[in-house]
Amino acid sequence: MTNKTDKELEKKFEIIFFHLEKGVTKKQYLAGLRYEIFSQVKEWKNNYGYKLNIYKDHLINNKEHFHFDKKSDNISLKIDFDGNILENLNNSLIPNKIKDSIEIFCRNNKNLLINKWNIMNQ
């Protein structure tokens, strides 16, 4: 898997975060409620600035993980595939909407994350 997969993962996270940012709660989102807008179809771009990466990397507490960063907000996290923050490198305050989005993202994409980890760490 390549950088294209990283972009797909970022897009999946941002879709979840978008709904929570618009006022849908985690419970509502998990129940299927979505915020709907109509706009012209265009190529996706990273609107919120969060980056997700899986590297050839070490385990943290015997867990595979991905890196979740937003340099402009001084956020640099390492997160396991269940959505638990393993390391907060800058000791940043992480807003609840971000935590909820990460949890939902991991729940919905755990197999994809594991597959990418396995490919990167063969």
PDB file of N, CA and C in Angstrom:
ATOM      1  N   MET A   1       0.846  -1.176   0.000  1.00  0.00           N
ATOM      2  CA  MET A   1       0.000   0.000   0.000  1.00  0.00           C
ATOM      3  C   MET A   1       0.891   1.237   0.000  1.00  0.00           C
ATOM      4  N   THR A   2       0.423   2.240  -0.638  1.00  0.00           N
ATOM      5  CA  THR A   2       1.240   3.422  -0.873  1.00  0.00           C
ATOM      6  C   THR A   2       0.649   4.647  -0.206  1.00  0.00           C
ATOM      7  N   ASN A   3       1.212   5.780  -0.570  1.00  0.00           N
ATOM      8  CA  ASN A   3       0.706   7.058  -0.084  1.00  0.00           C
ATOM      9  C   ASN A   3      -0.765   7.239  -0.446  1.00  0.00           C
ATOM     10  N   LYS A   4      -1.216   6.595  -1.547  1.00  0.00           N
ATOM     11  CA  LYS A   4      -2.623   6.658  -1.935  1.00  0.00           C
ATOM     12  C   LYS A   4      -3.508   6.114  -0.807  1.00  0.00           C
ATOM     13  N   THR A   5      -3.068   5.036  -0.170  1.00  0.00           N
ATOM     14  CA  THR A   5      -3.827   4.475   0.944  1.00  0.00           C
ATOM     15  C   THR A   5      -3.858   5.444   2.110  1.00  0.00           C
ATOM     16  N   ASP A   6      -2.735   6.132   2.387  1.00  0.00           N
ATOM     17  CA  ASP A   6      -2.722   7.135   3.451  1.00  0.00           C
ATOM     18  C   ASP A   6      -3.766   8.212   3.169  1.00  0.00           C
ATOM     19  N   LYS A   7      -3.876   8.661   1.943  1.00  0.00           N
ATOM     20  CA  LYS A   7      -4.865   9.683   1.577  1.00  0.00           C
ATOM     21  C   LYS A   7      -6.280   9.149   1.753  1.00  0.00           C
ATOM     22  N   GLU A   8      -6.494   7.874   1.395  1.00  0.00           N
ATOM     23  CA  GLU A   8      -7.811   7.275   1.585  1.00  0.00           C
ATOM     24  C   GLU A   8      -8.164   7.215   3.066  1.00  0.00           C
ATOM     25  N   LEU A   9      -7.194   6.872   3.906  1.00  0.00           N
ATOM     26  CA  LEU A   9      -7.428   6.837   5.352  1.00  0.00           C
ATOM     27  C   LEU A   9      -7.733   8.235   5.879  1.00  0.00           C
ATOM     28  N   GLU A  10      -6.969   9.235   5.437  1.00  0.00           N
ATOM     29  CA  GLU A  10      -7.222  10.609   5.862  1.00  0.00           C
ATOM     30  C   GLU A  10      -8.627  11.045   5.455  1.00  0.00           C
ATOM     31  N   LYS A  11      -9.046  10.678   4.256  1.00  0.00           N
ATOM     32  CA  LYS A  11     -10.379  11.040   3.781  1.00  0.00           C
ATOM     33  C   LYS A  11     -11.451  10.394   4.653  1.00  0.00           C
ATOM     34  N   LYS A  12     -11.274   9.123   4.989  1.00  0.00           N
ATOM     35  CA  LYS A  12     -12.251   8.429   5.831  1.00  0.00           C
ATOM     36  C   LYS A  12     -12.346   9.090   7.199  1.00  0.00           C
ATOM     37  N   PHE A  13     -11.199   9.480   7.779  1.00  0.00           N
ATOM     38  CA  PHE A  13     -11.221  10.175   9.063  1.00  0.00           C
ATOM     39  C   PHE A  13     -11.944  11.504   8.937  1.00  0.00           C
ATOM     40  N   GLU A  14     -11.608  12.274   7.910  1.00  0.00           N
ATOM     41  CA  GLU A  14     -12.199  13.610   7.764  1.00  0.00           C
ATOM     42  C   GLU A  14     -13.708  13.567   7.543  1.00  0.00           C
ATOM     43  N   ILE A  15     -14.196  12.535   6.877  1.00  0.00           N
ATOM     44  CA  ILE A  15     -15.647  12.400   6.699  1.00  0.00           C
ATOM     45  C   ILE A  15     -16.321  12.251   8.057  1.00  0.00           C
ATOM     46  N   ILE A  16     -15.759  11.420   8.911  1.00  0.00           N
ATOM     47  CA  ILE A  16     -16.316  11.241  10.255  1.00  0.00           C
ATOM     48  C   ILE A  16     -16.216  12.545  11.042  1.00  0.00           C
ATOM     49  N   PHE A  17     -15.032  13.160  11.034  1.00  0.00           N
ATOM     50  CA  PHE A  17     -14.824  14.398  11.782  1.00  0.00           C
ATOM     51  C   PHE A  17     -15.765  15.498  11.298  1.00  0.00           C
ATOM     52  N   PHE A  18     -16.000  15.590  10.000  1.00  0.00           N
ATOM     53  CA  PHE A  18     -16.899  16.587   9.433  1.00  0.00           C
ATOM     54  C   PHE A  18     -18.281  16.496  10.088  1.00  0.00           C
ATOM     55  N   HIS A  19     -18.822  15.286  10.186  1.00  0.00           N
ATOM     56  CA  HIS A  19     -20.153  15.107  10.766  1.00  0.00           C
ATOM     57  C   HIS A  19     -20.176  15.509  12.237  1.00  0.00           C
ATOM     58  N   LEU A  20     -19.147  15.117  12.982  1.00  0.00           N
ATOM     59  CA  LEU A  20     -19.101  15.485  14.396  1.00  0.00           C
ATOM     60  C   LEU A  20     -18.893  16.984  14.566  1.00  0.00           C
ATOM     61  N   GLU A  21     -18.107  17.582  13.692  1.00  0.00           N
ATOM     62  CA  GLU A  21     -17.868  19.023  13.729  1.00  0.00           C
ATOM     63  C   GLU A  21     -19.162  19.791  13.442  1.00  0.00           C
ATOM     64  N   LYS A  22     -20.047  19.214  12.639  1.00  0.00           N
ATOM     65  CA  LYS A  22     -21.324  19.853  12.298  1.00  0.00           C
ATOM     66  C   LYS A  22     -22.404  19.616  13.353  1.00  0.00           C
ATOM     67  N   GLY A  23     -22.072  18.886  14.440  1.00  0.00           N
ATOM     68  CA  GLY A  23     -23.008  18.741  15.535  1.00  0.00           C
ATOM     69  C   GLY A  23     -23.609  17.360  15.713  1.00  0.00           C
ATOM     70  N   VAL A  24     -23.313  16.432  14.835  1.00  0.00           N
ATOM     71  CA  VAL A  24     -23.773  15.067  15.030  1.00  0.00           C
ATOM     72  C   VAL A  24     -22.961  14.477  16.184  1.00  0.00           C
ATOM     73  N   THR A  25     -23.613  13.849  17.151  1.00  0.00           N
ATOM     74  CA  THR A  25     -22.881  13.251  18.270  1.00  0.00           C
ATOM     75  C   THR A  25     -22.324  11.890  17.857  1.00  0.00           C
ATOM     76  N   LYS A  26     -21.381  11.392  18.650  1.00  0.00           N
ATOM     77  CA  LYS A  26     -20.809  10.067  18.390  1.00  0.00           C
ATOM     78  C   LYS A  26     -21.921   9.017  18.376  1.00  0.00           C
ATOM     79  N   LYS A  27     -22.825   9.083  19.349  1.00  0.00           N
ATOM     80  CA  LYS A  27     -23.927   8.116  19.447  1.00  0.00           C
ATOM     81  C   LYS A  27     -24.825   8.203  18.213  1.00  0.00           C
ATOM     82  N   GLN A  28     -25.146   9.413  17.779  1.00  0.00           N
ATOM     83  CA  GLN A  28     -25.977   9.588  16.583  1.00  0.00           C
ATOM     84  C   GLN A  28     -25.273   9.061  15.334  1.00  0.00           C
ATOM     85  N   TYR A  29     -23.975   9.351  15.226  1.00  0.00           N
ATOM     86  CA  TYR A  29     -23.225   8.891  14.059  1.00  0.00           C
ATOM     87  C   TYR A  29     -23.218   7.368  13.995  1.00  0.00           C
ATOM     88  N   LEU A  30     -22.962   6.739  15.134  1.00  0.00           N
ATOM     89  CA  LEU A  30     -22.928   5.276  15.173  1.00  0.00           C
ATOM     90  C   LEU A  30     -24.297   4.678  14.873  1.00  0.00           C
ATOM     91  N   ALA A  31     -25.371   5.442  15.134  1.00  0.00           N
ATOM     92  CA  ALA A  31     -26.728   4.993  14.829  1.00  0.00           C
ATOM     93  C   ALA A  31     -27.117   5.274  13.378  1.00  0.00           C
ATOM     94  N   GLY A  32     -26.233   5.943  12.628  1.00  0.00           N
ATOM     95  CA  GLY A  32     -26.488   6.172  11.210  1.00  0.00           C
ATOM     96  C   GLY A  32     -26.894   7.581  10.822  1.00  0.00           C
ATOM     97  N   LEU A  33     -26.989   8.501  11.775  1.00  0.00           N
ATOM     98  CA  LEU A  33     -27.355   9.881  11.462  1.00  0.00           C
ATOM     99  C   LEU A  33     -26.181  10.586  10.788  1.00  0.00           C
ATOM    100  N   ARG A  34     -26.450  11.343   9.737  1.00  0.00           N
ATOM    101  CA  ARG A  34     -25.414  12.070   9.011  1.00  0.00           C
ATOM    102  C   ARG A  34     -25.871  13.494   8.745  1.00  0.00           C
ATOM    103  N   TYR A  35     -24.927  14.413   8.701  1.00  0.00           N
ATOM    104  CA  TYR A  35     -25.174  15.795   8.313  1.00  0.00           C
ATOM    105  C   TYR A  35     -25.081  15.832   6.795  1.00  0.00           C
ATOM    106  N   GLU A  36     -26.087  16.331   6.127  1.00  0.00           N
ATOM    107  CA  GLU A  36     -26.102  16.318   4.669  1.00  0.00           C
ATOM    108  C   GLU A  36     -26.013  17.731   4.109  1.00  0.00           C
ATOM    109  N   ILE A  37     -25.146  17.873   3.132  1.00  0.00           N
ATOM    110  CA  ILE A  37     -25.087  19.097   2.350  1.00  0.00           C
ATOM    111  C   ILE A  37     -24.986  18.694   0.892  1.00  0.00           C
ATOM    112  N   PHE A  38     -25.367  19.585   0.040  1.00  0.00           N
ATOM    113  CA  PHE A  38     -25.262  19.340  -1.386  1.00  0.00           C
ATOM    114  C   PHE A  38     -24.232  20.296  -1.956  1.00  0.00           C
ATOM    115  N   SER A  39     -23.273  19.740  -2.648  1.00  0.00           N
ATOM    116  CA  SER A  39     -22.237  20.576  -3.251  1.00  0.00           C
ATOM    117  C   SER A  39     -21.771  19.925  -4.534  1.00  0.00           C
ATOM    118  N   GLN A  40     -21.067  20.670  -5.306  1.00  0.00           N
ATOM    119  CA  GLN A  40     -20.530  20.166  -6.557  1.00  0.00           C
ATOM    120  C   GLN A  40     -19.498  19.079  -6.251  1.00  0.00           C
ATOM    121  N   VAL A  41     -19.569  18.000  -7.001  1.00  0.00           N
ATOM    122  CA  VAL A  41     -18.604  16.915  -6.818  1.00  0.00           C
ATOM    123  C   VAL A  41     -17.248  17.397  -7.291  1.00  0.00           C
ATOM    124  N   LYS A  42     -16.249  17.208  -6.452  1.00  0.00           N
ATOM    125  CA  LYS A  42     -14.901  17.609  -6.818  1.00  0.00           C
ATOM    126  C   LYS A  42     -13.922  16.687  -6.131  1.00  0.00           C
ATOM    127  N   GLU A  43     -12.684  16.754  -6.544  1.00  0.00           N
ATOM    128  CA  GLU A  43     -11.662  15.909  -5.945  1.00  0.00           C
ATOM    129  C   GLU A  43     -11.501  16.263  -4.474  1.00  0.00           C
ATOM    130  N   TRP A  44     -11.381  15.224  -3.642  1.00  0.00           N
ATOM    131  CA  TRP A  44     -11.233  15.436  -2.209  1.00  0.00           C
ATOM    132  C   TRP A  44      -9.894  16.072  -1.910  1.00  0.00           C
ATOM    133  N   LYS A  45      -9.889  16.979  -0.948  1.00  0.00           N
ATOM    134  CA  LYS A  45      -8.639  17.520  -0.434  1.00  0.00           C
ATOM    135  C   LYS A  45      -8.739  17.553   1.081  1.00  0.00           C
ATOM    136  N   ASN A  46      -7.617  17.497   1.725  1.00  0.00           N
ATOM    137  CA  ASN A  46      -7.543  17.485   3.177  1.00  0.00           C
ATOM    138  C   ASN A  46      -7.917  18.880   3.683  1.00  0.00           C
ATOM    139  N   ASN A  47      -9.117  19.004   4.255  1.00  0.00           N
ATOM    140  CA  ASN A  47      -9.616  20.301   4.710  1.00  0.00           C
ATOM    141  C   ASN A  47      -9.210  20.653   6.133  1.00  0.00           C
ATOM    142  N   TYR A  48      -8.980  19.659   6.956  1.00  0.00           N
ATOM    143  CA  TYR A  48      -8.731  19.912   8.373  1.00  0.00           C
ATOM    144  C   TYR A  48      -7.255  19.818   8.750  1.00  0.00           C
ATOM    145  N   GLY A  49      -6.427  19.257   7.884  1.00  0.00           N
ATOM    146  CA  GLY A  49      -4.992  19.231   8.120  1.00  0.00           C
ATOM    147  C   GLY A  49      -4.469  18.060   8.927  1.00  0.00           C
ATOM    148  N   TYR A  50      -5.313  17.079   9.244  1.00  0.00           N
ATOM    149  CA  TYR A  50      -4.847  15.918   9.986  1.00  0.00           C
ATOM    150  C   TYR A  50      -4.193  14.924   9.033  1.00  0.00           C
ATOM    151  N   LYS A  51      -3.081  14.374   9.448  1.00  0.00           N
ATOM    152  CA  LYS A  51      -2.334  13.403   8.642  1.00  0.00           C
ATOM    153  C   LYS A  51      -2.295  12.083   9.390  1.00  0.00           C
ATOM    154  N   LEU A  52      -2.556  10.989   8.673  1.00  0.00           N
ATOM    155  CA  LEU A  52      -2.461   9.648   9.227  1.00  0.00           C
ATOM    156  C   LEU A  52      -1.416   8.882   8.436  1.00  0.00           C
ATOM    157  N   ASN A  53      -0.501   8.243   9.144  1.00  0.00           N
ATOM    158  CA  ASN A  53       0.540   7.473   8.489  1.00  0.00           C
ATOM    159  C   ASN A  53       0.817   6.199   9.257  1.00  0.00           C
ATOM    160  N   ILE A  54       1.082   5.157   8.500  1.00  0.00           N
ATOM    161  CA  ILE A  54       1.575   3.908   9.076  1.00  0.00           C
ATOM    162  C   ILE A  54       2.950   3.695   8.474  1.00  0.00           C
ATOM    163  N   TYR A  55       3.931   3.532   9.342  1.00  0.00           N
ATOM    164  CA  TYR A  55       5.314   3.397   8.915  1.00  0.00           C
ATOM    165  C   TYR A  55       5.833   2.001   9.220  1.00  0.00           C
ATOM    166  N   LYS A  56       6.986   1.695   8.653  1.00  0.00           N
ATOM    167  CA  LYS A  56       7.762   0.550   9.126  1.00  0.00           C
ATOM    168  C   LYS A  56       8.233   0.988  10.504  1.00  0.00           C
ATOM    169  N   ASP A  57       7.718   0.349  11.543  1.00  0.00           N
ATOM    170  CA  ASP A  57       7.827   0.940  12.874  1.00  0.00           C
ATOM    171  C   ASP A  57       7.913  -0.141  13.934  1.00  0.00           C
ATOM    172  N   HIS A  58       8.152   0.279  15.148  1.00  0.00           N
ATOM    173  CA  HIS A  58       8.207  -0.600  16.314  1.00  0.00           C
ATOM    174  C   HIS A  58       6.823  -0.692  16.959  1.00  0.00           C
ATOM    175  N   LEU A  59       6.639  -1.685  17.810  1.00  0.00           N
ATOM    176  CA  LEU A  59       5.414  -1.799  18.589  1.00  0.00           C
ATOM    177  C   LEU A  59       5.515  -0.881  19.805  1.00  0.00           C
ATOM    178  N   ILE A  60       4.383  -0.402  20.268  1.00  0.00           N
ATOM    179  CA  ILE A  60       4.320   0.365  21.507  1.00  0.00           C
ATOM    180  C   ILE A  60       3.418  -0.431  22.445  1.00  0.00           C
ATOM    181  N   ASN A  61       3.950  -0.832  23.579  1.00  0.00           N
ATOM    182  CA  ASN A  61       3.197  -1.685  24.512  1.00  0.00           C
ATOM    183  C   ASN A  61       2.650  -2.928  23.804  1.00  0.00           C
ATOM    184  N   ASN A  62       3.469  -3.496  22.916  1.00  0.00           N
ATOM    185  CA  ASN A  62       3.109  -4.679  22.124  1.00  0.00           C
ATOM    186  C   ASN A  62       1.925  -4.436  21.192  1.00  0.00           C
ATOM    187  N   LYS A  63       1.706  -3.197  20.782  1.00  0.00           N
ATOM    188  CA  LYS A  63       0.579  -2.869  19.908  1.00  0.00           C
ATOM    189  C   LYS A  63       1.069  -2.177  18.641  1.00  0.00           C
ATOM    190  N   GLU A  64       0.465  -2.584  17.514  1.00  0.00           N
ATOM    191  CA  GLU A  64       0.670  -1.855  16.272  1.00  0.00           C
ATOM    192  C   GLU A  64      -0.021  -0.499  16.417  1.00  0.00           C
ATOM    193  N   HIS A  65       0.411   0.468  15.629  1.00  0.00           N
ATOM    194  CA  HIS A  65      -0.150   1.808  15.773  1.00  0.00           C
ATOM    195  C   HIS A  65       0.000   2.602  14.478  1.00  0.00           C
ATOM    196  N   PHE A  66      -0.682   3.720  14.440  1.00  0.00           N
ATOM    197  CA  PHE A  66      -0.492   4.679  13.357  1.00  0.00           C
ATOM    198  C   PHE A  66      -0.180   6.033  13.972  1.00  0.00           C
ATOM    199  N   HIS A  67       0.393   6.888  13.146  1.00  0.00           N
ATOM    200  CA  HIS A  67       0.739   8.242  13.568  1.00  0.00           C
ATOM    201  C   HIS A  67      -0.372   9.173  13.103  1.00  0.00           C
ATOM    202  N   PHE A  68      -0.766  10.076  13.977  1.00  0.00           N
ATOM    203  CA  PHE A  68      -1.836  11.030  13.707  1.00  0.00           C
ATOM    204  C   PHE A  68      -1.298  12.405  14.075  1.00  0.00           C
ATOM    205  N   ASP A  69      -1.177  13.277  13.077  1.00  0.00           N
ATOM    206  CA  ASP A  69      -0.516  14.559  13.294  1.00  0.00           C
ATOM    207  C   ASP A  69      -1.302  15.716  12.699  1.00  0.00           C
ATOM    208  N   LYS A  70      -1.170  16.846  13.350  1.00  0.00           N
ATOM    209  CA  LYS A  70      -1.593  18.138  12.792  1.00  0.00           C
ATOM    210  C   LYS A  70      -0.603  19.164  13.315  1.00  0.00           C
ATOM    211  N   LYS A  71       0.386  19.454  12.505  1.00  0.00           N
ATOM    212  CA  LYS A  71       1.486  20.324  12.932  1.00  0.00           C
ATOM    213  C   LYS A  71       1.005  21.703  13.354  1.00  0.00           C
ATOM    214  N   SER A  72       0.026  22.259  12.672  1.00  0.00           N
ATOM    215  CA  SER A  72      -0.430  23.611  13.001  1.00  0.00           C
ATOM    216  C   SER A  72      -1.047  23.693  14.396  1.00  0.00           C
ATOM    217  N   ASP A  73      -1.562  22.578  14.921  1.00  0.00           N
ATOM    218  CA  ASP A  73      -2.137  22.550  16.272  1.00  0.00           C
ATOM    219  C   ASP A  73      -1.213  21.841  17.262  1.00  0.00           C
ATOM    220  N   ASN A  74       0.014  21.539  16.822  1.00  0.00           N
ATOM    221  CA  ASN A  74       1.019  20.890  17.667  1.00  0.00           C
ATOM    222  C   ASN A  74       0.544  19.526  18.169  1.00  0.00           C
ATOM    223  N   ILE A  75      -0.228  18.805  17.332  1.00  0.00           N
ATOM    224  CA  ILE A  75      -0.730  17.477  17.688  1.00  0.00           C
ATOM    225  C   ILE A  75       0.136  16.429  17.017  1.00  0.00           C
ATOM    226  N   SER A  76       0.654  15.520  17.808  1.00  0.00           N
ATOM    227  CA  SER A  76       1.446  14.402  17.301  1.00  0.00           C
ATOM    228  C   SER A  76       1.177  13.201  18.203  1.00  0.00           C
ATOM    229  N   LEU A  77       0.332  12.292  17.700  1.00  0.00           N
ATOM    230  CA  LEU A  77      -0.112  11.151  18.486  1.00  0.00           C
ATOM    231  C   LEU A  77       0.300   9.845  17.829  1.00  0.00           C
ATOM    232  N   LYS A  78       0.412   8.820  18.644  1.00  0.00           N
ATOM    233  CA  LYS A  78       0.535   7.448  18.161  1.00  0.00           C
ATOM    234  C   LYS A  78      -0.664   6.717  18.753  1.00  0.00           C
ATOM    235  N   ILE A  79      -1.439   6.082  17.873  1.00  0.00           N
ATOM    236  CA  ILE A  79      -2.735   5.529  18.252  1.00  0.00           C
ATOM    237  C   ILE A  79      -2.801   4.072  17.832  1.00  0.00           C
ATOM    238  N   ASP A  80      -3.289   3.198  18.731  1.00  0.00           N
ATOM    239  CA  ASP A  80      -3.451   1.798  18.334  1.00  0.00           C
ATOM    240  C   ASP A  80      -4.703   1.665  17.477  1.00  0.00           C
ATOM    241  N   PHE A  81      -4.906   0.487  16.925  1.00  0.00           N
ATOM    242  CA  PHE A  81      -5.996   0.295  15.965  1.00  0.00           C
ATOM    243  C   PHE A  81      -7.365   0.158  16.621  1.00  0.00           C
ATOM    244  N   ASP A  82      -7.408   0.255  17.958  1.00  0.00           N
ATOM    245  CA  ASP A  82      -8.680   0.326  18.668  1.00  0.00           C
ATOM    246  C   ASP A  82      -9.037   1.771  19.015  1.00  0.00           C
ATOM    247  N   GLY A  83      -8.165   2.716  18.661  1.00  0.00           N
ATOM    248  CA  GLY A  83      -8.427   4.132  18.898  1.00  0.00           C
ATOM    249  C   GLY A  83      -7.860   4.666  20.194  1.00  0.00           C
ATOM    250  N   ASN A  84      -7.035   3.883  20.886  1.00  0.00           N
ATOM    251  CA  ASN A  84      -6.428   4.328  22.132  1.00  0.00           C
ATOM    252  C   ASN A  84      -5.153   5.117  21.844  1.00  0.00           C
ATOM    253  N   ILE A  85      -5.004   6.256  22.487  1.00  0.00           N
ATOM    254  CA  ILE A  85      -3.796   7.057  22.327  1.00  0.00           C
ATOM    255  C   ILE A  85      -2.686   6.409  23.144  1.00  0.00           C
ATOM    256  N   LEU A  86      -1.636   5.953  22.445  1.00  0.00           N
ATOM    257  CA  LEU A  86      -0.500   5.312  23.099  1.00  0.00           C
ATOM    258  C   LEU A  86       0.547   6.327  23.505  1.00  0.00           C
ATOM    259  N   GLU A  87       0.742   7.331  22.666  1.00  0.00           N
ATOM    260  CA  GLU A  87       1.701   8.397  22.955  1.00  0.00           C
ATOM    261  C   GLU A  87       1.137   9.720  22.462  1.00  0.00           C
ATOM    262  N   ASN A  88       1.284  10.735  23.284  1.00  0.00           N
ATOM    263  CA  ASN A  88       0.947  12.105  22.917  1.00  0.00           C
ATOM    264  C   ASN A  88       2.262  12.869  23.001  1.00  0.00           C
ATOM    265  N   LEU A  89       2.967  12.960  21.879  1.00  0.00           N
ATOM    266  CA  LEU A  89       4.340  13.434  21.878  1.00  0.00           C
ATOM    267  C   LEU A  89       4.500  14.876  22.345  1.00  0.00           C
ATOM    268  N   ASN A  90       3.488  15.702  22.148  1.00  0.00           N
ATOM    269  CA  ASN A  90       3.576  17.107  22.554  1.00  0.00           C
ATOM    270  C   ASN A  90       2.705  17.409  23.773  1.00  0.00           C
ATOM    271  N   ASN A  91       2.163  16.359  24.384  1.00  0.00           N
ATOM    272  CA  ASN A  91       1.243  16.528  25.516  1.00  0.00           C
ATOM    273  C   ASN A  91       0.137  17.530  25.198  1.00  0.00           C
ATOM    274  N   SER A  92      -0.370  17.465  23.969  1.00  0.00           N
ATOM    275  CA  SER A  92      -1.412  18.381  23.513  1.00  0.00           C
ATOM    276  C   SER A  92      -2.760  18.000  24.094  1.00  0.00           C
ATOM    277  N   LEU A  93      -3.591  18.999  24.305  1.00  0.00           N
ATOM    278  CA  LEU A  93      -4.978  18.764  24.674  1.00  0.00           C
ATOM    279  C   LEU A  93      -5.718  18.343  23.408  1.00  0.00           C
ATOM    280  N   ILE A  94      -6.327  17.175  23.426  1.00  0.00           N
ATOM    281  CA  ILE A  94      -7.010  16.652  22.248  1.00  0.00           C
ATOM    282  C   ILE A  94      -8.515  16.853  22.444  1.00  0.00           C
ATOM    283  N   PRO A  95      -9.153  17.651  21.565  1.00  0.00           N
ATOM    284  CA  PRO A  95     -10.594  17.887  21.697  1.00  0.00           C
ATOM    285  C   PRO A  95     -11.392  16.577  21.615  1.00  0.00           C
ATOM    286  N   ASN A  96     -12.516  16.536  22.332  1.00  0.00           N
ATOM    287  CA  ASN A  96     -13.350  15.333  22.346  1.00  0.00           C
ATOM    288  C   ASN A  96     -13.847  14.942  20.964  1.00  0.00           C
ATOM    289  N   LYS A  97     -14.142  15.912  20.096  1.00  0.00           N
ATOM    290  CA  LYS A  97     -14.598  15.579  18.745  1.00  0.00           C
ATOM    291  C   LYS A  97     -13.522  14.820  17.978  1.00  0.00           C
ATOM    292  N   ILE A  98     -12.267  15.152  18.229  1.00  0.00           N
ATOM    293  CA  ILE A  98     -11.161  14.443  17.582  1.00  0.00           C
ATOM    294  C   ILE A  98     -11.071  13.031  18.155  1.00  0.00           C
ATOM    295  N   LYS A  99     -11.132  12.912  19.472  1.00  0.00           N
ATOM    296  CA  LYS A  99     -11.080  11.584  20.103  1.00  0.00           C
ATOM    297  C   LYS A  99     -12.221  10.700  19.606  1.00  0.00           C
ATOM    298  N   ASP A 100     -13.434  11.247  19.562  1.00  0.00           N
ATOM    299  CA  ASP A 100     -14.584  10.479  19.082  1.00  0.00           C
ATOM    300  C   ASP A 100     -14.414  10.083  17.621  1.00  0.00           C
ATOM    301  N   SER A 101     -13.912  11.011  16.808  1.00  0.00           N
ATOM    302  CA  SER A 101     -13.691  10.722  15.387  1.00  0.00           C
ATOM    303  C   SER A 101     -12.661   9.622  15.214  1.00  0.00           C
ATOM    304  N   ILE A 102     -11.596   9.663  16.000  1.00  0.00           N
ATOM    305  CA  ILE A 102     -10.563   8.628  15.935  1.00  0.00           C
ATOM    306  C   ILE A 102     -11.148   7.275  16.320  1.00  0.00           C
ATOM    307  N   GLU A 103     -11.947   7.247  17.382  1.00  0.00           N
ATOM    308  CA  GLU A 103     -12.547   5.990  17.824  1.00  0.00           C
ATOM    309  C   GLU A 103     -13.440   5.382  16.740  1.00  0.00           C
ATOM    310  N   ILE A 104     -14.304   6.199  16.151  1.00  0.00           N
ATOM    311  CA  ILE A 104     -15.189   5.719  15.084  1.00  0.00           C
ATOM    312  C   ILE A 104     -14.361   5.291  13.874  1.00  0.00           C
ATOM    313  N   PHE A 105     -13.377   6.101  13.502  1.00  0.00           N
ATOM    314  CA  PHE A 105     -12.512   5.786  12.370  1.00  0.00           C
ATOM    315  C   PHE A 105     -11.849   4.424  12.561  1.00  0.00           C
ATOM    316  N   CYS A 106     -11.289   4.189  13.741  1.00  0.00           N
ATOM    317  CA  CYS A 106     -10.612   2.909  14.002  1.00  0.00           C
ATOM    318  C   CYS A 106     -11.603   1.752  13.963  1.00  0.00           C
ATOM    319  N   ARG A 107     -12.764   1.961  14.546  1.00  0.00           N
ATOM    320  CA  ARG A 107     -13.796   0.912  14.535  1.00  0.00           C
ATOM    321  C   ARG A 107     -14.176   0.534  13.104  1.00  0.00           C
ATOM    322  N   ASN A 108     -14.311   1.539  12.239  1.00  0.00           N
ATOM    323  CA  ASN A 108     -14.744   1.302  10.862  1.00  0.00           C
ATOM    324  C   ASN A 108     -13.631   0.830   9.927  1.00  0.00           C
ATOM    325  N   ASN A 109     -12.372   1.043  10.313  1.00  0.00           N
ATOM    326  CA  ASN A 109     -11.262   0.778   9.389  1.00  0.00           C
ATOM    327  C   ASN A 109     -10.161  -0.098   9.982  1.00  0.00           C
ATOM    328  N   LYS A 110     -10.467  -0.819  11.046  1.00  0.00           N
ATOM    329  CA  LYS A 110      -9.450  -1.595  11.743  1.00  0.00           C
ATOM    330  C   LYS A 110      -8.756  -2.594  10.816  1.00  0.00           C
ATOM    331  N   ASN A 111      -9.520  -3.316  10.002  1.00  0.00           N
ATOM    332  CA  ASN A 111      -8.905  -4.308   9.110  1.00  0.00           C
ATOM    333  C   ASN A 111      -7.977  -3.657   8.098  1.00  0.00           C
ATOM    334  N   LEU A 112      -8.364  -2.516   7.557  1.00  0.00           N
ATOM    335  CA  LEU A 112      -7.507  -1.798   6.618  1.00  0.00           C
ATOM    336  C   LEU A 112      -6.217  -1.339   7.295  1.00  0.00           C
ATOM    337  N   LEU A 113      -6.330  -0.836   8.512  1.00  0.00           N
ATOM    338  CA  LEU A 113      -5.154  -0.401   9.260  1.00  0.00           C
ATOM    339  C   LEU A 113      -4.216  -1.577   9.546  1.00  0.00           C
ATOM    340  N   ILE A 114      -4.781  -2.694   9.967  1.00  0.00           N
ATOM    341  CA  ILE A 114      -3.965  -3.887  10.245  1.00  0.00           C
ATOM    342  C   ILE A 114      -3.277  -4.371   8.977  1.00  0.00           C
ATOM    343  N   ASN A 115      -4.013  -4.410   7.873  1.00  0.00           N
ATOM    344  CA  ASN A 115      -3.419  -4.856   6.602  1.00  0.00           C
ATOM    345  C   ASN A 115      -2.261  -3.964   6.189  1.00  0.00           C
ATOM    346  N   LYS A 116      -2.443  -2.652   6.317  1.00  0.00           N
ATOM    347  CA  LYS A 116      -1.359  -1.753   5.936  1.00  0.00           C
ATOM    348  C   LYS A 116      -0.161  -1.939   6.865  1.00  0.00           C
ATOM    349  N   TRP A 117      -0.405  -2.084   8.168  1.00  0.00           N
ATOM    350  CA  TRP A 117       0.687  -2.331   9.122  1.00  0.00           C
ATOM    351  C   TRP A 117       1.460  -3.589   8.713  1.00  0.00           C
ATOM    352  N   ASN A 118       0.719  -4.648   8.419  1.00  0.00           N
ATOM    353  CA  ASN A 118       1.366  -5.914   8.063  1.00  0.00           C
ATOM    354  C   ASN A 118       2.205  -5.789   6.807  1.00  0.00           C
ATOM    355  N   ILE A 119       1.720  -5.067   5.824  1.00  0.00           N
ATOM    356  CA  ILE A 119       2.479  -4.863   4.590  1.00  0.00           C
ATOM    357  C   ILE A 119       3.727  -4.031   4.863  1.00  0.00           C
ATOM    358  N   MET A 120       3.572  -2.970   5.636  1.00  0.00           N
ATOM    359  CA  MET A 120       4.706  -2.088   5.909  1.00  0.00           C
ATOM    360  C   MET A 120       5.756  -2.744   6.801  1.00  0.00           C
ATOM    361  N   ASN A 121       5.369  -3.697   7.612  1.00  0.00           N
ATOM    362  CA  ASN A 121       6.267  -4.269   8.605  1.00  0.00           C
ATOM    363  C   ASN A 121       6.569  -5.743   8.371  1.00  0.00           C
ATOM    364  N   GLN A 122       6.607  -6.140   7.117  1.00  0.00           N
ATOM    365  CA  GLN A 122       6.970  -7.528   6.771  1.00  0.00           C
ATOM    366  C   GLN A 122       8.429  -7.758   7.014  1.00  0.00           C
TER     367      GLN A 122
END
